[in-house]
Amino acid sequence: MDAVGGTVKRLVYRSILAGQRCTSATEFVKIAQSKTTTIEVAELTQDYIDESKMQMEPIFQLTKSVPETKKIHSVTALTNNSIEYRYYSSSTTKKIYQFSN
């Protein structure tokens, strides 16, 4: 995704250097859409974000966190209620976390 985002930003930046005006997200999207047909660019409005957040909130409330999530690199689902994780992919040390119902 970084490469796609960089490509879109570069296309818009070149247009700005050529004198095109870009002072908002809406203008950015319009310029990007006019410069490429291979990358789909869309604007996410604050209303859309707020509505999505409201829909996701009940799911987030039910989600259980795994201890030390930021340190984990490799995760394998064992069952619906358990995962095996390692701190890096080739680690021989594995830990199993059981989610309670």
C-alpha atoms as a PDB file:
ATOM      1  CA  MET A   1       0.000   0.000   0.000  1.00  0.00           C
ATOM      2  CA  ASP A   2       2.889   2.385   0.627  1.00  0.00           C
ATOM      3  CA  ALA A   3       3.901   2.204  -3.026  1.00  0.00           C
ATOM      4  CA  VAL A   4       0.364   2.911  -4.222  1.00  0.00           C
ATOM      5  CA  GLY A   5      -0.004   5.856  -1.837  1.00  0.00           C
ATOM      6  CA  GLY A   6       3.396   7.205  -2.874  1.00  0.00           C
ATOM      7  CA  THR A   7       2.472   6.953  -6.540  1.00  0.00           C
ATOM      8  CA  VAL A   8      -0.787   8.844  -6.013  1.00  0.00           C
ATOM      9  CA  LYS A   9       0.924  11.553  -3.959  1.00  0.00           C
ATOM     10  CA  ARG A  10       3.632  11.928  -6.615  1.00  0.00           C
ATOM     11  CA  LEU A  11       1.018  12.301  -9.386  1.00  0.00           C
ATOM     12  CA  VAL A  12      -0.816  14.998  -7.437  1.00  0.00           C
ATOM     13  CA  TYR A  13       2.429  16.750  -6.460  1.00  0.00           C
ATOM     14  CA  ARG A  14       3.494  16.937 -10.115  1.00  0.00           C
ATOM     15  CA  SER A  15       0.162  18.545 -10.954  1.00  0.00           C
ATOM     16  CA  ILE A  16       0.659  21.082  -8.178  1.00  0.00           C
ATOM     17  CA  LEU A  17       4.146  21.887  -9.494  1.00  0.00           C
ATOM     18  CA  ALA A  18       2.546  22.451 -12.896  1.00  0.00           C
ATOM     19  CA  GLY A  19       0.224  25.053 -11.366  1.00  0.00           C
ATOM     20  CA  GLN A  20      -2.875  23.082 -10.416  1.00  0.00           C
ATOM     21  CA  ARG A  21      -4.475  24.123  -7.136  1.00  0.00           C
ATOM     22  CA  CYS A  22      -4.982  21.593  -4.320  1.00  0.00           C
ATOM     23  CA  THR A  23      -6.219  22.922  -0.994  1.00  0.00           C
ATOM     24  CA  SER A  24      -8.478  20.123   0.245  1.00  0.00           C
ATOM     25  CA  ALA A  25      -8.892  16.368   0.345  1.00  0.00           C
ATOM     26  CA  THR A  26     -11.683  16.669  -2.218  1.00  0.00           C
ATOM     27  CA  GLU A  27      -9.402  18.500  -4.672  1.00  0.00           C
ATOM     28  CA  PHE A  28      -6.629  15.946  -4.024  1.00  0.00           C
ATOM     29  CA  VAL A  29      -8.992  13.099  -4.919  1.00  0.00           C
ATOM     30  CA  LYS A  30     -10.209  14.858  -8.081  1.00  0.00           C
ATOM     31  CA  ILE A  31      -6.651  15.493  -9.271  1.00  0.00           C
ATOM     32  CA  ALA A  32      -5.605  11.908  -8.503  1.00  0.00           C
ATOM     33  CA  GLN A  33      -8.628  10.504 -10.320  1.00  0.00           C
ATOM     34  CA  SER A  34      -7.821  12.633 -13.372  1.00  0.00           C
ATOM     35  CA  LYS A  35      -4.203  11.413 -13.443  1.00  0.00           C
ATOM     36  CA  THR A  36      -4.684   7.667 -13.161  1.00  0.00           C
ATOM     37  CA  THR A  37      -7.277   5.101 -14.124  1.00  0.00           C
ATOM     38  CA  THR A  38      -5.319   2.127 -12.767  1.00  0.00           C
ATOM     39  CA  ILE A  39      -5.579   3.218  -9.124  1.00  0.00           C
ATOM     40  CA  GLU A  40      -9.012   3.792  -7.633  1.00  0.00           C
ATOM     41  CA  VAL A  41      -8.967   6.867  -5.400  1.00  0.00           C
ATOM     42  CA  ALA A  42     -11.928   7.775  -3.204  1.00  0.00           C
ATOM     43  CA  GLU A  43     -12.518  10.292  -0.450  1.00  0.00           C
ATOM     44  CA  LEU A  44     -13.697   9.053   2.924  1.00  0.00           C
ATOM     45  CA  THR A  45     -15.813  11.782   4.475  1.00  0.00           C
ATOM     46  CA  GLN A  46     -16.010  12.379   8.212  1.00  0.00           C
ATOM     47  CA  ASP A  47     -19.679  11.295   8.129  1.00  0.00           C
ATOM     48  CA  TYR A  48     -18.667   7.950   6.603  1.00  0.00           C
ATOM     49  CA  ILE A  49     -15.919   7.483   9.212  1.00  0.00           C
ATOM     50  CA  ASP A  50     -18.289   8.352  12.078  1.00  0.00           C
ATOM     51  CA  GLU A  51     -20.982   5.986  10.786  1.00  0.00           C
ATOM     52  CA  SER A  52     -18.460   3.159  10.380  1.00  0.00           C
ATOM     53  CA  LYS A  53     -17.133   3.774  13.875  1.00  0.00           C
ATOM     54  CA  MET A  54     -20.654   3.502  15.320  1.00  0.00           C
ATOM     55  CA  GLN A  55     -21.188   0.210  13.496  1.00  0.00           C
ATOM     56  CA  MET A  56     -17.841  -1.217  14.637  1.00  0.00           C
ATOM     57  CA  GLU A  57     -17.998  -0.085  18.274  1.00  0.00           C
ATOM     58  CA  PRO A  58     -20.078  -3.080  19.493  1.00  0.00           C
ATOM     59  CA  ILE A  59     -17.578  -5.445  17.865  1.00  0.00           C
ATOM     60  CA  PHE A  60     -14.631  -3.649  19.472  1.00  0.00           C
ATOM     61  CA  GLN A  61     -16.334  -3.859  22.871  1.00  0.00           C
ATOM     62  CA  LEU A  62     -16.460  -7.661  22.573  1.00  0.00           C
ATOM     63  CA  THR A  63     -12.897  -8.045  21.303  1.00  0.00           C
ATOM     64  CA  LYS A  64     -10.395  -9.608  23.701  1.00  0.00           C
ATOM     65  CA  SER A  65      -6.824  -8.379  23.670  1.00  0.00           C
ATOM     66  CA  VAL A  66      -3.801 -10.643  23.574  1.00  0.00           C
ATOM     67  CA  PRO A  67      -1.052  -9.791  26.079  1.00  0.00           C
ATOM     68  CA  GLU A  68       2.082  -8.190  24.593  1.00  0.00           C
ATOM     69  CA  THR A  69       0.411  -7.674  21.199  1.00  0.00           C
ATOM     70  CA  LYS A  70       3.016  -5.120  20.106  1.00  0.00           C
ATOM     71  CA  LYS A  71       5.815  -7.662  20.565  1.00  0.00           C
ATOM     72  CA  ILE A  72       4.154 -10.475  18.598  1.00  0.00           C
ATOM     73  CA  HIS A  73       5.233 -11.103  15.018  1.00  0.00           C
ATOM     74  CA  SER A  74       3.878 -14.523  14.111  1.00  0.00           C
ATOM     75  CA  VAL A  75       0.342 -15.736  14.921  1.00  0.00           C
ATOM     76  CA  THR A  76      -1.340 -19.018  14.035  1.00  0.00           C
ATOM     77  CA  ALA A  77      -4.993 -19.780  14.786  1.00  0.00           C
ATOM     78  CA  LEU A  78      -5.276 -23.173  16.467  1.00  0.00           C
ATOM     79  CA  THR A  79      -9.009 -23.252  17.202  1.00  0.00           C
ATOM     80  CA  ASN A  80     -11.855 -20.748  17.426  1.00  0.00           C
ATOM     81  CA  ASN A  81     -10.699 -19.959  20.969  1.00  0.00           C
ATOM     82  CA  SER A  82      -6.911 -20.240  20.850  1.00  0.00           C
ATOM     83  CA  ILE A  83      -3.889 -18.924  19.022  1.00  0.00           C
ATOM     84  CA  GLU A  84      -0.233 -19.800  18.998  1.00  0.00           C
ATOM     85  CA  TYR A  85       2.170 -16.871  18.802  1.00  0.00           C
ATOM     86  CA  ARG A  86       5.877 -16.139  18.602  1.00  0.00           C
ATOM     87  CA  TYR A  87       7.887 -12.981  19.025  1.00  0.00           C
ATOM     88  CA  TYR A  88       9.466 -13.513  15.590  1.00  0.00           C
ATOM     89  CA  SER A  89       8.723 -15.955  12.768  1.00  0.00           C
ATOM     90  CA  SER A  90      11.630 -18.346  13.208  1.00  0.00           C
ATOM     91  CA  SER A  91      11.518 -18.389  17.004  1.00  0.00           C
ATOM     92  CA  THR A  92      11.423 -21.838  18.560  1.00  0.00           C
ATOM     93  CA  THR A  93       9.665 -20.406  21.601  1.00  0.00           C
ATOM     94  CA  LYS A  94       5.907 -20.531  21.132  1.00  0.00           C
ATOM     95  CA  LYS A  95       3.134 -19.403  23.411  1.00  0.00           C
ATOM     96  CA  ILE A  96      -0.520 -20.353  23.324  1.00  0.00           C
ATOM     97  CA  TYR A  97      -3.267 -17.939  24.300  1.00  0.00           C
ATOM     98  CA  GLN A  98      -6.756 -19.226  25.130  1.00  0.00           C
ATOM     99  CA  PHE A  99      -9.657 -16.834  24.723  1.00  0.00           C
ATOM    100  CA  SER A 100     -12.348 -17.284  27.332  1.00  0.00           C
ATOM    101  CA  ASN A 101     -15.972 -17.436  26.239  1.00  0.00           C
END
